[in-house]
Amino acid sequence: MHNKDLLNRIATELSTVCDRDESMAIARYVMEYVTDNKLVSSDSEFSQESKEWFESILARLKNSEPVQYVLGFAYFMGNKYKVNQGVLIPRPETEELLELVYKRSGSDNFTAIDIGTGSGCIAVELSKKYPKARVYAVDISERALAVASENAEKHKTQVNFISDDILNPAMENYPSVDVVVSNPPYVAMDEKEFMHANVINYEPHLALFASSPLEFYEAIALFAEKKLISGGEIYLEINPIYAESTSEVYKRKGFTDIELVKDITGKQRFLFCRKL
């Protein structure tokens, strides 16, 4: 098989599980992997070993496994991050969350914490953007922290990782912070039936689902009451279905300048507020 046939082969093979646009996006991922790892021989044809590899990954893709897990990387803010089934695949919406931080942050010398860091993409990008900042990241999953640590090392950033459960945090392990950023689990269990197989069957439920829609937002508010400095900022990715309810959590706790921010599709996807 010549590499020029790769796109059409994947598009055809995946036609039963995804549309043409998605299959072409998957093909581009595979093509990059093929090129970077020199899986094509000098005559522009796959070696036998590469053909066997390709057939095995194609079988996984046809079983709805996300291409990011199959190949072991995903893009975030234009940079490549290691991912596996222990972490969520970074989404474009979370890039928008980070852009919100960049737009509103008035300093490059602050202490920030990323709650529920997963692959570490938010924390690592913050550290890259603000080299003077002290960046912390917390997750309950040791598997996720291992991936996040690898990503921090790969991108030559200094992130302080904490293993803890934000629903019952050991407050003595945390510094006072100027900024809280989080994309916590926010999918309600009754939304599960509407989700795609590639998400339900492969992405970690620990990072997706909350036992109640506001569970983690209430925990983050309690954390911020204790550890966020006066005037400190909170940036959250939220479930649009519960946008107003999430806003009410922070109003009741006495936070100020509360604002719901729409994503590129017009959904109320983010919440910003400050601590008095």
C-alpha atoms as a PDB file:
ATOM      1  CA  MET A   1       0.000   0.000   0.000  1.00  0.00           C
ATOM      2  CA  HIS A   2       1.419   3.382  -0.995  1.00  0.00           C
ATOM      3  CA  ASN A   3       1.061   6.177   1.512  1.00  0.00           C
ATOM      4  CA  LYS A   4      -0.987   8.199  -0.998  1.00  0.00           C
ATOM      5  CA  ASP A   5      -3.712   5.552  -0.708  1.00  0.00           C
ATOM      6  CA  LEU A   6      -3.904   5.830   3.070  1.00  0.00           C
ATOM      7  CA  LEU A   7      -6.518   8.589   3.267  1.00  0.00           C
ATOM      8  CA  ASN A   8      -8.961   6.872   0.934  1.00  0.00           C
ATOM      9  CA  ARG A   9      -8.486   3.477   2.573  1.00  0.00           C
ATOM     10  CA  ILE A  10      -9.282   4.844   6.019  1.00  0.00           C
ATOM     11  CA  ALA A  11     -12.231   6.896   4.757  1.00  0.00           C
ATOM     12  CA  THR A  12     -13.712   3.806   3.138  1.00  0.00           C
ATOM     13  CA  GLU A  13     -13.068   1.463   6.058  1.00  0.00           C
ATOM     14  CA  LEU A  14     -14.497   3.869   8.653  1.00  0.00           C
ATOM     15  CA  SER A  15     -17.616   4.774   6.684  1.00  0.00           C
ATOM     16  CA  THR A  16     -19.722   2.519   8.908  1.00  0.00           C
ATOM     17  CA  VAL A  17     -18.678   4.211  12.159  1.00  0.00           C
ATOM     18  CA  CYS A  18     -18.194   7.892  11.268  1.00  0.00           C
ATOM     19  CA  ASP A  19     -18.863  10.426   8.554  1.00  0.00           C
ATOM     20  CA  ARG A  20     -16.463  11.463   5.797  1.00  0.00           C
ATOM     21  CA  ASP A  21     -15.144  14.571   7.560  1.00  0.00           C
ATOM     22  CA  GLU A  22     -14.352  12.652  10.718  1.00  0.00           C
ATOM     23  CA  SER A  23     -12.724   9.784   8.837  1.00  0.00           C
ATOM     24  CA  MET A  24     -10.492  12.251   6.983  1.00  0.00           C
ATOM     25  CA  ALA A  25      -9.496  13.886  10.274  1.00  0.00           C
ATOM     26  CA  ILE A  26      -8.597  10.434  11.617  1.00  0.00           C
ATOM     27  CA  ALA A  27      -6.615   9.731   8.458  1.00  0.00           C
ATOM     28  CA  ARG A  28      -4.573  12.887   8.979  1.00  0.00           C
ATOM     29  CA  TYR A  29      -3.682  11.715  12.483  1.00  0.00           C
ATOM     30  CA  VAL A  30      -2.592   8.347  11.147  1.00  0.00           C
ATOM     31  CA  MET A  31      -0.651   9.941   8.285  1.00  0.00           C
ATOM     32  CA  GLU A  32       1.304  12.108  10.690  1.00  0.00           C
ATOM     33  CA  TYR A  33       2.177   9.077  12.784  1.00  0.00           C
ATOM     34  CA  VAL A  34       3.271   7.181   9.666  1.00  0.00           C
ATOM     35  CA  THR A  35       5.469  10.076   8.553  1.00  0.00           C
ATOM     36  CA  ASP A  36       7.001  10.854  11.947  1.00  0.00           C
ATOM     37  CA  ASN A  37       7.828   7.223  12.625  1.00  0.00           C
ATOM     38  CA  LYS A  38       9.116   6.542   9.090  1.00  0.00           C
ATOM     39  CA  LEU A  39       6.776   3.616   8.555  1.00  0.00           C
ATOM     40  CA  VAL A  40       6.960   4.048   4.800  1.00  0.00           C
ATOM     41  CA  SER A  41       9.936   2.570   2.983  1.00  0.00           C
ATOM     42  CA  SER A  42      12.032   4.455   0.461  1.00  0.00           C
ATOM     43  CA  ASP A  43       9.854   3.366  -2.461  1.00  0.00           C
ATOM     44  CA  SER A  44       6.855   4.969  -0.723  1.00  0.00           C
ATOM     45  CA  GLU A  45       5.242   1.655   0.094  1.00  0.00           C
ATOM     46  CA  PHE A  46       4.534   0.149   3.495  1.00  0.00           C
ATOM     47  CA  SER A  47       6.878  -2.534   4.715  1.00  0.00           C
ATOM     48  CA  GLN A  48       5.283  -5.832   5.737  1.00  0.00           C
ATOM     49  CA  GLU A  49       5.669  -4.912   9.394  1.00  0.00           C
ATOM     50  CA  SER A  50       4.016  -1.547   8.776  1.00  0.00           C
ATOM     51  CA  LYS A  51       1.167  -3.197   6.894  1.00  0.00           C
ATOM     52  CA  GLU A  52       0.491  -5.452   9.882  1.00  0.00           C
ATOM     53  CA  TRP A  53       0.613  -2.435  12.207  1.00  0.00           C
ATOM     54  CA  PHE A  54      -1.776  -0.532   9.968  1.00  0.00           C
ATOM     55  CA  GLU A  55      -4.293  -3.378   9.851  1.00  0.00           C
ATOM     56  CA  SER A  56      -4.225  -3.671  13.655  1.00  0.00           C
ATOM     57  CA  ILE A  57      -4.834   0.044  14.223  1.00  0.00           C
ATOM     58  CA  LEU A  58      -7.530   0.087  11.543  1.00  0.00           C
ATOM     59  CA  ALA A  59      -9.344  -2.701  13.386  1.00  0.00           C
ATOM     60  CA  ARG A  60      -9.220  -0.654  16.599  1.00  0.00           C
ATOM     61  CA  LEU A  61     -10.511   2.443  14.814  1.00  0.00           C
ATOM     62  CA  LYS A  62     -13.385   0.449  13.285  1.00  0.00           C
ATOM     63  CA  ASN A  63     -14.296  -0.581  16.822  1.00  0.00           C
ATOM     64  CA  SER A  64     -14.817   3.137  17.624  1.00  0.00           C
ATOM     65  CA  GLU A  65     -11.642   3.491  19.685  1.00  0.00           C
ATOM     66  CA  PRO A  66     -10.521   7.154  19.484  1.00  0.00           C
ATOM     67  CA  VAL A  67      -7.554   7.657  17.169  1.00  0.00           C
ATOM     68  CA  GLN A  68      -5.808   9.625  19.920  1.00  0.00           C
ATOM     69  CA  TYR A  69      -5.720   6.530  22.124  1.00  0.00           C
ATOM     70  CA  VAL A  70      -4.777   4.259  19.248  1.00  0.00           C
ATOM     71  CA  LEU A  71      -1.763   6.402  18.362  1.00  0.00           C
ATOM     72  CA  GLY A  72      -1.047   7.690  21.875  1.00  0.00           C
ATOM     73  CA  PHE A  73      -1.185  11.453  21.319  1.00  0.00           C
ATOM     74  CA  ALA A  74      -3.580  14.364  21.016  1.00  0.00           C
ATOM     75  CA  TYR A  75      -3.226  18.012  20.143  1.00  0.00           C
ATOM     76  CA  PHE A  76      -3.923  20.843  22.559  1.00  0.00           C
ATOM     77  CA  MET A  77      -3.203  24.499  21.766  1.00  0.00           C
ATOM     78  CA  GLY A  78      -1.291  23.265  18.724  1.00  0.00           C
ATOM     79  CA  ASN A  79       1.052  21.104  20.792  1.00  0.00           C
ATOM     80  CA  LYS A  80       1.266  17.338  21.030  1.00  0.00           C
ATOM     81  CA  TYR A  81       0.377  15.613  24.311  1.00  0.00           C
ATOM     82  CA  LYS A  82       0.634  11.992  25.349  1.00  0.00           C
ATOM     83  CA  VAL A  83      -2.753  10.434  26.115  1.00  0.00           C
ATOM     84  CA  ASN A  84      -4.012   6.988  27.038  1.00  0.00           C
ATOM     85  CA  GLN A  85      -7.244   5.585  28.433  1.00  0.00           C
ATOM     86  CA  GLY A  86      -6.313   6.906  31.876  1.00  0.00           C
ATOM     87  CA  VAL A  87      -6.959  10.520  30.788  1.00  0.00           C
ATOM     88  CA  LEU A  88      -9.569  12.419  28.845  1.00  0.00           C
ATOM     89  CA  ILE A  89      -8.718  13.450  25.314  1.00  0.00           C
ATOM     90  CA  PRO A  90      -8.248  17.262  25.354  1.00  0.00           C
ATOM     91  CA  ARG A  91     -11.150  19.091  23.694  1.00  0.00           C
ATOM     92  CA  PRO A  92     -11.305  22.369  21.737  1.00  0.00           C
ATOM     93  CA  GLU A  93     -13.635  23.754  24.427  1.00  0.00           C
ATOM     94  CA  THR A  94     -10.843  23.452  26.974  1.00  0.00           C
ATOM     95  CA  GLU A  95      -8.575  25.411  24.645  1.00  0.00           C
ATOM     96  CA  GLU A  96     -11.224  28.140  24.808  1.00  0.00           C
ATOM     97  CA  LEU A  97     -11.092  27.974  28.616  1.00  0.00           C
ATOM     98  CA  LEU A  98      -7.352  28.543  28.531  1.00  0.00           C
ATOM     99  CA  GLU A  99      -7.738  31.405  26.044  1.00  0.00           C
ATOM    100  CA  LEU A 100     -10.119  33.000  28.548  1.00  0.00           C
ATOM    101  CA  VAL A 101      -7.385  32.841  31.190  1.00  0.00           C
ATOM    102  CA  TYR A 102      -4.876  34.372  28.778  1.00  0.00           C
ATOM    103  CA  LYS A 103      -7.276  37.173  27.849  1.00  0.00           C
ATOM    104  CA  ARG A 104      -8.136  38.159  31.421  1.00  0.00           C
ATOM    105  CA  SER A 105      -4.939  37.494  33.327  1.00  0.00           C
ATOM    106  CA  GLY A 106      -3.256  40.790  34.165  1.00  0.00           C
ATOM    107  CA  SER A 107       0.008  39.338  35.430  1.00  0.00           C
ATOM    108  CA  ASP A 108       2.626  36.759  34.542  1.00  0.00           C
ATOM    109  CA  ASN A 109       3.781  36.241  38.129  1.00  0.00           C
ATOM    110  CA  PHE A 110       1.123  34.314  40.012  1.00  0.00           C
ATOM    111  CA  THR A 111       0.320  30.984  41.634  1.00  0.00           C
ATOM    112  CA  ALA A 112      -2.239  28.853  39.817  1.00  0.00           C
ATOM    113  CA  ILE A 113      -3.803  25.454  40.363  1.00  0.00           C
ATOM    114  CA  ASP A 114      -5.385  23.176  37.776  1.00  0.00           C
ATOM    115  CA  ILE A 115      -7.971  20.987  39.526  1.00  0.00           C
ATOM    116  CA  GLY A 116      -8.518  17.604  37.852  1.00  0.00           C
ATOM    117  CA  THR A 117      -5.485  17.933  35.613  1.00  0.00           C
ATOM    118  CA  GLY A 118      -5.862  14.696  33.629  1.00  0.00           C
ATOM    119  CA  SER A 119      -3.241  14.756  30.874  1.00  0.00           C
ATOM    120  CA  GLY A 120      -1.811  17.939  32.408  1.00  0.00           C
ATOM    121  CA  CYS A 121      -2.471  19.974  29.271  1.00  0.00           C
ATOM    122  CA  ILE A 122      -3.923  23.011  31.080  1.00  0.00           C
ATOM    123  CA  ALA A 123      -1.182  23.140  33.708  1.00  0.00           C
ATOM    124  CA  VAL A 124       1.609  22.606  31.180  1.00  0.00           C
ATOM    125  CA  GLU A 125       0.309  25.287  28.824  1.00  0.00           C
ATOM    126  CA  LEU A 126      -0.045  27.734  31.725  1.00  0.00           C
ATOM    127  CA  SER A 127       3.549  27.058  32.714  1.00  0.00           C
ATOM    128  CA  LYS A 128       4.716  27.565  29.121  1.00  0.00           C
ATOM    129  CA  LYS A 129       2.755  30.792  28.701  1.00  0.00           C
ATOM    130  CA  TYR A 130       3.787  32.225  32.086  1.00  0.00           C
ATOM    131  CA  PRO A 131       7.315  31.025  32.956  1.00  0.00           C
ATOM    132  CA  LYS A 132       7.327  33.108  36.152  1.00  0.00           C
ATOM    133  CA  ALA A 133       4.111  31.519  37.428  1.00  0.00           C
ATOM    134  CA  ARG A 134       4.062  28.779  40.045  1.00  0.00           C
ATOM    135  CA  VAL A 135       1.726  26.127  38.681  1.00  0.00           C
ATOM    136  CA  TYR A 136       0.172  23.305  40.700  1.00  0.00           C
ATOM    137  CA  ALA A 137      -2.010  20.494  39.401  1.00  0.00           C
ATOM    138  CA  VAL A 138      -4.100  17.973  41.312  1.00  0.00           C
ATOM    139  CA  ASP A 139      -5.772  14.712  40.338  1.00  0.00           C
ATOM    140  CA  ILE A 140      -7.109  11.681  42.183  1.00  0.00           C
ATOM    141  CA  SER A 141      -5.887   9.286  39.467  1.00  0.00           C
ATOM    142  CA  GLU A 142      -2.302   8.084  39.767  1.00  0.00           C
ATOM    143  CA  ARG A 143      -2.464   6.933  36.166  1.00  0.00           C
ATOM    144  CA  ALA A 144      -3.429  10.424  35.052  1.00  0.00           C
ATOM    145  CA  LEU A 145      -0.677  12.013  37.140  1.00  0.00           C
ATOM    146  CA  ALA A 146       1.880   9.724  35.512  1.00  0.00           C
ATOM    147  CA  VAL A 147       0.772  10.890  32.058  1.00  0.00           C
ATOM    148  CA  ALA A 148       0.679  14.535  33.171  1.00  0.00           C
ATOM    149  CA  SER A 149       4.196  14.291  34.587  1.00  0.00           C
ATOM    150  CA  GLU A 150       5.459  12.881  31.289  1.00  0.00           C
ATOM    151  CA  ASN A 151       3.828  15.743  29.407  1.00  0.00           C
ATOM    152  CA  ALA A 152       5.336  18.335  31.732  1.00  0.00           C
ATOM    153  CA  GLU A 153       8.770  16.817  31.236  1.00  0.00           C
ATOM    154  CA  LYS A 154       8.323  16.569  27.477  1.00  0.00           C
ATOM    155  CA  HIS A 155       7.399  20.245  27.245  1.00  0.00           C
ATOM    156  CA  LYS A 156      10.196  21.257  29.640  1.00  0.00           C
ATOM    157  CA  THR A 157       7.867  22.877  32.167  1.00  0.00           C
ATOM    158  CA  GLN A 158       7.857  22.951  35.950  1.00  0.00           C
ATOM    159  CA  VAL A 159       4.500  21.819  37.323  1.00  0.00           C
ATOM    160  CA  ASN A 160       3.957  20.753  40.932  1.00  0.00           C
ATOM    161  CA  PHE A 161       1.683  17.708  40.910  1.00  0.00           C
ATOM    162  CA  ILE A 162      -0.474  16.742  43.893  1.00  0.00           C
ATOM    163  CA  SER A 163      -2.232  13.411  44.349  1.00  0.00           C
ATOM    164  CA  ASP A 164      -5.499  14.139  46.134  1.00  0.00           C
ATOM    165  CA  ASP A 165      -9.292  13.943  46.002  1.00  0.00           C
ATOM    166  CA  ILE A 166     -10.687  17.443  45.564  1.00  0.00           C
ATOM    167  CA  LEU A 167     -13.984  16.215  47.048  1.00  0.00           C
ATOM    168  CA  ASN A 168     -12.127  15.637  50.303  1.00  0.00           C
ATOM    169  CA  PRO A 169      -8.853  17.546  49.963  1.00  0.00           C
ATOM    170  CA  ALA A 170      -5.951  17.611  52.392  1.00  0.00           C
ATOM    171  CA  MET A 171      -5.831  21.419  52.567  1.00  0.00           C
ATOM    172  CA  GLU A 172      -2.452  21.470  54.297  1.00  0.00           C
ATOM    173  CA  ASN A 173      -0.858  20.199  51.068  1.00  0.00           C
ATOM    174  CA  TYR A 174      -1.842  23.282  49.081  1.00  0.00           C
ATOM    175  CA  PRO A 175      -0.414  26.792  48.914  1.00  0.00           C
ATOM    176  CA  SER A 176      -2.535  29.922  48.679  1.00  0.00           C
ATOM    177  CA  VAL A 177      -3.260  30.568  45.000  1.00  0.00           C
ATOM    178  CA  ASP A 178      -4.136  33.519  42.796  1.00  0.00           C
ATOM    179  CA  VAL A 179      -5.888  31.527  40.078  1.00  0.00           C
ATOM    180  CA  VAL A 180      -8.014  28.379  40.045  1.00  0.00           C
ATOM    181  CA  VAL A 181      -8.607  26.687  36.680  1.00  0.00           C
ATOM    182  CA  SER A 182     -10.624  23.528  36.253  1.00  0.00           C
ATOM    183  CA  ASN A 183     -12.363  21.325  33.730  1.00  0.00           C
ATOM    184  CA  PRO A 184     -13.832  18.890  36.280  1.00  0.00           C
ATOM    185  CA  PRO A 185     -16.141  15.917  35.684  1.00  0.00           C
ATOM    186  CA  TYR A 186     -19.497  17.468  34.820  1.00  0.00           C
ATOM    187  CA  VAL A 187     -21.513  14.951  32.848  1.00  0.00           C
ATOM    188  CA  ALA A 188     -24.615  13.812  34.728  1.00  0.00           C
ATOM    189  CA  MET A 189     -25.294  10.086  34.784  1.00  0.00           C
ATOM    190  CA  ASP A 190     -28.628  10.548  32.995  1.00  0.00           C
ATOM    191  CA  GLU A 191     -26.758  12.018  30.003  1.00  0.00           C
ATOM    192  CA  LYS A 192     -24.829   8.788  29.492  1.00  0.00           C
ATOM    193  CA  GLU A 193     -27.367   7.283  27.075  1.00  0.00           C
ATOM    194  CA  PHE A 194     -26.898  10.193  24.654  1.00  0.00           C
ATOM    195  CA  MET A 195     -23.095   9.920  24.437  1.00  0.00           C
ATOM    196  CA  HIS A 196     -21.120   8.334  21.606  1.00  0.00           C
ATOM    197  CA  ALA A 197     -19.614   4.869  21.959  1.00  0.00           C
ATOM    198  CA  ASN A 198     -16.074   6.162  21.455  1.00  0.00           C
ATOM    199  CA  VAL A 199     -16.473   8.245  24.618  1.00  0.00           C
ATOM    200  CA  ILE A 200     -18.446   5.830  26.807  1.00  0.00           C
ATOM    201  CA  ASN A 201     -16.422   2.746  25.932  1.00  0.00           C
ATOM    202  CA  TYR A 202     -12.932   4.223  26.100  1.00  0.00           C
ATOM    203  CA  GLU A 203     -12.596   7.480  28.033  1.00  0.00           C
ATOM    204  CA  PRO A 204     -12.234   7.304  31.848  1.00  0.00           C
ATOM    205  CA  HIS A 205     -15.598   7.577  33.589  1.00  0.00           C
ATOM    206  CA  LEU A 206     -13.813   8.950  36.655  1.00  0.00           C
ATOM    207  CA  ALA A 207     -12.984  12.072  34.632  1.00  0.00           C
ATOM    208  CA  LEU A 208     -16.332  12.309  32.857  1.00  0.00           C
ATOM    209  CA  PHE A 209     -19.148  11.713  35.306  1.00  0.00           C
ATOM    210  CA  ALA A 210     -20.233  13.378  38.522  1.00  0.00           C
ATOM    211  CA  SER A 211     -22.651  11.737  40.948  1.00  0.00           C
ATOM    212  CA  SER A 212     -24.566  15.018  40.884  1.00  0.00           C
ATOM    213  CA  PRO A 213     -24.222  17.849  38.334  1.00  0.00           C
ATOM    214  CA  LEU A 214     -22.843  20.395  40.823  1.00  0.00           C
ATOM    215  CA  GLU A 215     -20.732  18.062  42.961  1.00  0.00           C
ATOM    216  CA  PHE A 216     -17.311  19.216  41.790  1.00  0.00           C
ATOM    217  CA  TYR A 217     -18.278  22.877  41.458  1.00  0.00           C
ATOM    218  CA  GLU A 218     -19.354  22.951  45.083  1.00  0.00           C
ATOM    219  CA  ALA A 219     -16.069  21.275  46.070  1.00  0.00           C
ATOM    220  CA  ILE A 220     -14.056  23.794  44.047  1.00  0.00           C
ATOM    221  CA  ALA A 221     -15.957  26.666  45.689  1.00  0.00           C
ATOM    222  CA  LEU A 222     -15.113  25.251  49.147  1.00  0.00           C
ATOM    223  CA  PHE A 223     -11.478  24.880  48.117  1.00  0.00           C
ATOM    224  CA  ALA A 224     -11.391  28.462  46.844  1.00  0.00           C
ATOM    225  CA  GLU A 225     -12.897  29.751  50.098  1.00  0.00           C
ATOM    226  CA  LYS A 226      -9.857  28.389  51.913  1.00  0.00           C
ATOM    227  CA  LYS A 227      -7.008  28.683  49.416  1.00  0.00           C
ATOM    228  CA  LEU A 228      -7.828  31.404  46.875  1.00  0.00           C
ATOM    229  CA  ILE A 229      -6.483  34.833  47.822  1.00  0.00           C
ATOM    230  CA  SER A 230      -8.762  37.868  48.069  1.00  0.00           C
ATOM    231  CA  GLY A 231      -9.246  39.144  44.542  1.00  0.00           C
ATOM    232  CA  GLY A 232      -8.208  35.774  43.123  1.00  0.00           C
ATOM    233  CA  GLU A 233      -9.852  34.432  39.981  1.00  0.00           C
ATOM    234  CA  ILE A 234     -11.691  31.215  39.113  1.00  0.00           C
ATOM    235  CA  TYR A 235     -12.006  29.895  35.555  1.00  0.00           C
ATOM    236  CA  LEU A 236     -14.244  26.846  35.061  1.00  0.00           C
ATOM    237  CA  GLU A 237     -15.461  24.746  32.186  1.00  0.00           C
ATOM    238  CA  ILE A 238     -19.071  23.839  32.956  1.00  0.00           C
ATOM    239  CA  ASN A 239     -21.989  21.787  31.698  1.00  0.00           C
ATOM    240  CA  PRO A 240     -24.177  24.190  29.669  1.00  0.00           C
ATOM    241  CA  ILE A 241     -27.295  22.372  30.863  1.00  0.00           C
ATOM    242  CA  TYR A 242     -26.531  23.440  34.432  1.00  0.00           C
ATOM    243  CA  ALA A 243     -24.948  26.826  33.724  1.00  0.00           C
ATOM    244  CA  GLU A 244     -27.349  28.882  35.846  1.00  0.00           C
ATOM    245  CA  SER A 245     -27.277  26.368  38.698  1.00  0.00           C
ATOM    246  CA  THR A 246     -23.477  26.423  38.692  1.00  0.00           C
ATOM    247  CA  SER A 247     -23.518  30.207  38.780  1.00  0.00           C
ATOM    248  CA  GLU A 248     -25.836  30.070  41.814  1.00  0.00           C
ATOM    249  CA  VAL A 249     -23.292  27.934  43.697  1.00  0.00           C
ATOM    250  CA  TYR A 250     -20.750  30.752  43.500  1.00  0.00           C
ATOM    251  CA  LYS A 251     -23.288  33.464  44.240  1.00  0.00           C
ATOM    252  CA  ARG A 252     -24.321  31.692  47.444  1.00  0.00           C
ATOM    253  CA  LYS A 253     -20.680  31.382  48.476  1.00  0.00           C
ATOM    254  CA  GLY A 254     -20.163  35.126  48.107  1.00  0.00           C
ATOM    255  CA  PHE A 255     -17.960  35.204  45.019  1.00  0.00           C
ATOM    256  CA  THR A 256     -18.204  38.311  42.881  1.00  0.00           C
ATOM    257  CA  ASP A 257     -18.027  39.369  39.206  1.00  0.00           C
ATOM    258  CA  ILE A 258     -19.675  36.092  38.267  1.00  0.00           C
ATOM    259  CA  GLU A 259     -19.975  35.715  34.516  1.00  0.00           C
ATOM    260  CA  LEU A 260     -21.148  32.904  32.258  1.00  0.00           C
ATOM    261  CA  VAL A 261     -19.173  32.889  29.006  1.00  0.00           C
ATOM    262  CA  LYS A 262     -20.328  31.234  25.801  1.00  0.00           C
ATOM    263  CA  ASP A 263     -18.156  28.931  23.737  1.00  0.00           C
ATOM    264  CA  ILE A 264     -17.683  29.202  19.990  1.00  0.00           C
ATOM    265  CA  THR A 265     -20.961  27.318  19.406  1.00  0.00           C
ATOM    266  CA  GLY A 266     -22.948  29.731  21.586  1.00  0.00           C
ATOM    267  CA  LYS A 267     -23.344  27.429  24.602  1.00  0.00           C
ATOM    268  CA  GLN A 268     -22.743  28.714  28.118  1.00  0.00           C
ATOM    269  CA  ARG A 269     -19.609  26.659  28.623  1.00  0.00           C
ATOM    270  CA  PHE A 270     -17.457  28.661  31.051  1.00  0.00           C
ATOM    271  CA  LEU A 271     -17.800  30.434  34.364  1.00  0.00           C
ATOM    272  CA  PHE A 272     -15.564  33.234  35.601  1.00  0.00           C
ATOM    273  CA  CYS A 273     -15.656  34.803  39.040  1.00  0.00           C
ATOM    274  CA  ARG A 274     -13.510  36.450  41.726  1.00  0.00           C
ATOM    275  CA  LYS A 275     -13.181  36.087  45.453  1.00  0.00           C
ATOM    276  CA  LEU A 276     -13.941  39.151  47.544  1.00  0.00           C
END
